[in-house]
Amino acid sequence: MEKDKLTHACGIAGLIAGIIGLLLLFLASYIGIPFSITAVVLSVIQKKYESTGAATAGLVLGIIGIILYVIVGFAFFGGPYSESGTTSVN
């Protein structure tokens, strides 16, 4: 019985972390990414024992948060093809 309560708590915590991660992505992206990673980890733990809707939603939100973080990171800091990242020969 104790294990069931713990895993259900992991699913709900994963959902909450996923929501917070997406909200913080637009306010402070460097703070939002740990929440998104935590959401994925907690949701996977929940799904290992019993798949619930909260765990699935937390997993999806966490993955979306990580993907958006990568896209925003490339948009603001440039990717491998940015002008500041290449060497120019004069």
N, C-alpha and C. Protein backbone atom coordinates (compact mmCIF):
# COMPACT_ATOMS: atom_id res chain seq x y z
N MET A 1 0.83 -1.20 0.00
CA MET A 1 0.00 0.00 0.00
C MET A 1 0.86 1.25 0.00
N GLU A 2 1.95 1.24 0.76
CA GLU A 2 2.84 2.41 0.84
C GLU A 2 3.48 2.69 -0.52
N LYS A 3 3.83 1.64 -1.25
CA LYS A 3 4.47 1.81 -2.57
C LYS A 3 3.50 2.46 -3.56
N ASP A 4 2.21 2.10 -3.48
CA ASP A 4 1.22 2.70 -4.38
C ASP A 4 1.09 4.20 -4.14
N LYS A 5 1.07 4.61 -2.88
CA LYS A 5 0.97 6.03 -2.57
C LYS A 5 2.19 6.79 -3.08
N LEU A 6 3.37 6.17 -2.94
CA LEU A 6 4.60 6.81 -3.38
C LEU A 6 4.61 6.99 -4.89
N THR A 7 4.20 5.96 -5.62
CA THR A 7 4.24 6.07 -7.07
C THR A 7 3.18 7.04 -7.58
N HIS A 8 2.02 7.08 -6.97
CA HIS A 8 1.02 8.06 -7.38
C HIS A 8 1.51 9.47 -7.10
N ALA A 9 2.23 9.64 -6.00
CA ALA A 9 2.80 10.95 -5.70
C ALA A 9 3.85 11.33 -6.74
N CYS A 10 4.60 10.36 -7.23
CA CYS A 10 5.60 10.64 -8.28
C CYS A 10 4.92 11.12 -9.56
N GLY A 11 3.81 10.53 -9.92
CA GLY A 11 3.09 10.95 -11.13
C GLY A 11 2.54 12.37 -11.00
N ILE A 12 1.97 12.66 -9.87
CA ILE A 12 1.42 14.01 -9.65
C ILE A 12 2.55 15.04 -9.57
N ALA A 13 3.64 14.68 -8.89
CA ALA A 13 4.78 15.59 -8.80
C ALA A 13 5.40 15.82 -10.18
N GLY A 14 5.42 14.79 -11.02
CA GLY A 14 5.92 14.95 -12.38
C GLY A 14 5.05 15.88 -13.20
N LEU A 15 3.75 15.79 -13.02
CA LEU A 15 2.83 16.69 -13.72
C LEU A 15 3.05 18.13 -13.27
N ILE A 16 3.15 18.33 -11.97
CA ILE A 16 3.36 19.69 -11.45
C ILE A 16 4.71 20.25 -11.91
N ALA A 17 5.75 19.42 -11.89
CA ALA A 17 7.06 19.87 -12.34
C ALA A 17 7.04 20.21 -13.83
N GLY A 18 6.29 19.45 -14.62
CA GLY A 18 6.18 19.75 -16.05
C GLY A 18 5.49 21.07 -16.31
N ILE A 19 4.45 21.35 -15.57
CA ILE A 19 3.74 22.62 -15.72
C ILE A 19 4.64 23.78 -15.30
N ILE A 20 5.30 23.65 -14.17
CA ILE A 20 6.21 24.71 -13.70
C ILE A 20 7.36 24.90 -14.69
N GLY A 21 7.88 23.79 -15.22
CA GLY A 21 8.98 23.88 -16.18
C GLY A 21 8.59 24.65 -17.43
N LEU A 22 7.37 24.43 -17.93
CA LEU A 22 6.93 25.17 -19.12
C LEU A 22 6.67 26.63 -18.81
N LEU A 23 6.12 26.91 -17.64
CA LEU A 23 5.88 28.31 -17.28
C LEU A 23 7.19 29.07 -17.09
N LEU A 24 8.16 28.43 -16.44
CA LEU A 24 9.43 29.10 -16.20
C LEU A 24 10.31 29.18 -17.45
N LEU A 25 10.00 28.38 -18.45
CA LEU A 25 10.78 28.41 -19.68
C LEU A 25 10.74 29.79 -20.31
N PHE A 26 9.60 30.44 -20.25
CA PHE A 26 9.45 31.74 -20.88
C PHE A 26 9.87 32.88 -19.96
N LEU A 27 9.92 32.63 -18.66
CA LEU A 27 10.32 33.66 -17.71
C LEU A 27 11.83 33.60 -17.42
N ALA A 28 12.29 32.43 -17.10
CA ALA A 28 13.72 32.21 -16.79
C ALA A 28 14.07 30.80 -17.24
N SER A 29 14.54 30.67 -18.47
CA SER A 29 14.72 29.34 -19.06
C SER A 29 15.75 28.51 -18.31
N TYR A 30 16.75 29.13 -17.74
CA TYR A 30 17.76 28.35 -17.02
C TYR A 30 17.20 27.73 -15.75
N ILE A 31 16.10 28.25 -15.23
CA ILE A 31 15.45 27.66 -14.07
C ILE A 31 14.42 26.62 -14.51
N GLY A 32 13.85 26.80 -15.67
CA GLY A 32 12.80 25.91 -16.15
C GLY A 32 13.28 24.53 -16.57
N ILE A 33 14.51 24.43 -17.09
CA ILE A 33 15.00 23.15 -17.59
C ILE A 33 15.15 22.10 -16.49
N PRO A 34 15.61 22.42 -15.28
CA PRO A 34 15.66 21.37 -14.25
C PRO A 34 14.27 20.84 -13.89
N PHE A 35 13.26 21.71 -13.92
CA PHE A 35 11.90 21.24 -13.65
C PHE A 35 11.43 20.29 -14.75
N SER A 36 11.76 20.58 -16.00
CA SER A 36 11.36 19.71 -17.10
C SER A 36 12.05 18.36 -17.00
N ILE A 37 13.32 18.35 -16.66
CA ILE A 37 14.04 17.09 -16.50
C ILE A 37 13.47 16.30 -15.33
N THR A 38 13.17 16.99 -14.24
CA THR A 38 12.56 16.33 -13.08
C THR A 38 11.21 15.74 -13.43
N ALA A 39 10.44 16.45 -14.24
CA ALA A 39 9.13 15.93 -14.66
C ALA A 39 9.27 14.64 -15.44
N VAL A 40 10.25 14.56 -16.32
CA VAL A 40 10.47 13.33 -17.09
C VAL A 40 10.87 12.20 -16.17
N VAL A 41 11.79 12.45 -15.25
CA VAL A 41 12.27 11.39 -14.35
C VAL A 41 11.15 10.87 -13.46
N LEU A 42 10.41 11.78 -12.84
CA LEU A 42 9.33 11.35 -11.94
C LEU A 42 8.21 10.64 -12.70
N SER A 43 7.92 11.08 -13.90
CA SER A 43 6.86 10.44 -14.68
C SER A 43 7.28 9.05 -15.14
N VAL A 44 8.54 8.88 -15.47
CA VAL A 44 9.03 7.54 -15.86
C VAL A 44 8.97 6.60 -14.66
N ILE A 45 9.32 7.09 -13.47
CA ILE A 45 9.21 6.26 -12.26
C ILE A 45 7.76 5.84 -12.05
N GLN A 46 6.83 6.76 -12.22
CA GLN A 46 5.41 6.44 -12.05
C GLN A 46 4.97 5.41 -13.08
N LYS A 47 5.35 5.61 -14.33
CA LYS A 47 4.90 4.72 -15.40
C LYS A 47 5.52 3.33 -15.27
N LYS A 48 6.65 3.23 -14.59
CA LYS A 48 7.29 1.94 -14.37
C LYS A 48 6.39 1.02 -13.53
N TYR A 49 5.71 1.60 -12.56
CA TYR A 49 4.87 0.81 -11.67
C TYR A 49 3.42 0.76 -12.14
N GLU A 50 2.89 1.90 -12.52
CA GLU A 50 1.49 1.95 -12.97
C GLU A 50 1.32 3.21 -13.82
N SER A 51 0.83 3.02 -15.01
CA SER A 51 0.64 4.15 -15.91
C SER A 51 -0.64 4.90 -15.55
N THR A 52 -0.49 6.18 -15.25
CA THR A 52 -1.65 7.02 -14.94
C THR A 52 -1.66 8.21 -15.89
N GLY A 53 -2.78 8.89 -15.93
CA GLY A 53 -2.90 10.07 -16.78
C GLY A 53 -1.97 11.19 -16.36
N ALA A 54 -1.77 11.35 -15.06
CA ALA A 54 -0.88 12.39 -14.56
C ALA A 54 0.56 12.11 -14.99
N ALA A 55 0.96 10.85 -14.94
CA ALA A 55 2.32 10.50 -15.35
C ALA A 55 2.53 10.74 -16.84
N THR A 56 1.54 10.38 -17.64
CA THR A 56 1.65 10.60 -19.08
C THR A 56 1.71 12.09 -19.40
N ALA A 57 0.86 12.87 -18.76
CA ALA A 57 0.87 14.31 -18.99
C ALA A 57 2.17 14.93 -18.52
N GLY A 58 2.70 14.51 -17.38
CA GLY A 58 3.97 15.01 -16.88
C GLY A 58 5.12 14.68 -17.82
N LEU A 59 5.09 13.46 -18.37
CA LEU A 59 6.13 13.05 -19.31
C LEU A 59 6.08 13.89 -20.58
N VAL A 60 4.88 14.09 -21.11
CA VAL A 60 4.73 14.89 -22.33
C VAL A 60 5.15 16.33 -22.09
N LEU A 61 4.72 16.92 -20.98
CA LEU A 61 5.09 18.31 -20.68
C LEU A 61 6.59 18.45 -20.45
N GLY A 62 7.19 17.48 -19.80
CA GLY A 62 8.63 17.52 -19.58
C GLY A 62 9.42 17.44 -20.88
N ILE A 63 9.00 16.55 -21.77
CA ILE A 63 9.68 16.42 -23.06
C ILE A 63 9.49 17.68 -23.90
N ILE A 64 8.30 18.23 -23.90
CA ILE A 64 8.05 19.48 -24.64
C ILE A 64 8.92 20.60 -24.06
N GLY A 65 9.03 20.67 -22.74
CA GLY A 65 9.85 21.69 -22.10
C GLY A 65 11.32 21.58 -22.50
N ILE A 66 11.83 20.35 -22.55
CA ILE A 66 13.23 20.15 -22.93
C ILE A 66 13.45 20.54 -24.39
N ILE A 67 12.53 20.13 -25.26
CA ILE A 67 12.66 20.47 -26.68
C ILE A 67 12.59 21.98 -26.89
N LEU A 68 11.64 22.64 -26.22
CA LEU A 68 11.54 24.09 -26.34
C LEU A 68 12.77 24.79 -25.78
N TYR A 69 13.34 24.25 -24.72
CA TYR A 69 14.55 24.84 -24.16
C TYR A 69 15.69 24.79 -25.18
N VAL A 70 15.82 23.68 -25.88
CA VAL A 70 16.87 23.56 -26.90
C VAL A 70 16.62 24.55 -28.03
N ILE A 71 15.36 24.66 -28.47
CA ILE A 71 15.04 25.59 -29.56
C ILE A 71 15.29 27.03 -29.13
N VAL A 72 14.86 27.39 -27.93
CA VAL A 72 15.08 28.75 -27.43
C VAL A 72 16.57 29.02 -27.25
N GLY A 73 17.31 28.03 -26.79
CA GLY A 73 18.75 28.19 -26.62
C GLY A 73 19.45 28.47 -27.95
N PHE A 74 19.06 27.75 -29.00
CA PHE A 74 19.65 28.00 -30.31
C PHE A 74 19.20 29.35 -30.86
N ALA A 75 17.98 29.75 -30.60
CA ALA A 75 17.47 31.02 -31.12
C ALA A 75 18.18 32.20 -30.48
N PHE A 76 18.41 32.14 -29.17
CA PHE A 76 19.02 33.27 -28.48
C PHE A 76 20.54 33.26 -28.53
N PHE A 77 21.13 32.08 -28.44
CA PHE A 77 22.58 32.01 -28.34
C PHE A 77 23.25 31.55 -29.63
N GLY A 78 22.47 31.27 -30.63
CA GLY A 78 23.01 30.86 -31.91
C GLY A 78 23.41 29.40 -31.92
N GLY A 79 23.34 28.83 -33.06
CA GLY A 79 23.72 27.45 -33.22
C GLY A 79 25.11 27.35 -33.81
N PRO A 80 25.41 26.23 -34.40
CA PRO A 80 26.74 26.06 -34.98
C PRO A 80 26.97 26.93 -36.21
N TYR A 81 25.90 27.49 -36.77
CA TYR A 81 26.04 28.30 -37.98
C TYR A 81 25.87 29.80 -37.70
N SER A 82 25.94 30.20 -36.44
CA SER A 82 25.79 31.62 -36.13
C SER A 82 27.06 32.36 -36.50
N GLU A 83 26.94 33.65 -36.71
CA GLU A 83 28.10 34.45 -37.11
C GLU A 83 29.15 34.51 -36.04
N SER A 84 28.74 34.58 -34.78
CA SER A 84 29.71 34.67 -33.70
C SER A 84 30.40 33.34 -33.45
N GLY A 85 29.81 32.25 -33.91
CA GLY A 85 30.38 30.94 -33.67
C GLY A 85 31.35 30.47 -34.76
N THR A 86 31.48 31.23 -35.84
CA THR A 86 32.36 30.82 -36.94
C THR A 86 33.59 31.71 -36.95
N THR A 87 34.64 31.19 -37.46
CA THR A 87 35.86 31.99 -37.62
C THR A 87 35.88 32.55 -39.02
N SER A 88 36.28 33.78 -39.14
CA SER A 88 36.35 34.40 -40.46
C SER A 88 37.80 34.67 -40.82
N VAL A 89 38.10 34.48 -42.07
CA VAL A 89 39.44 34.71 -42.57
C VAL A 89 39.40 36.00 -43.37
N ASN A 90 40.23 36.96 -42.99
CA ASN A 90 40.27 38.24 -43.70
C ASN A 90 41.42 38.31 -44.65
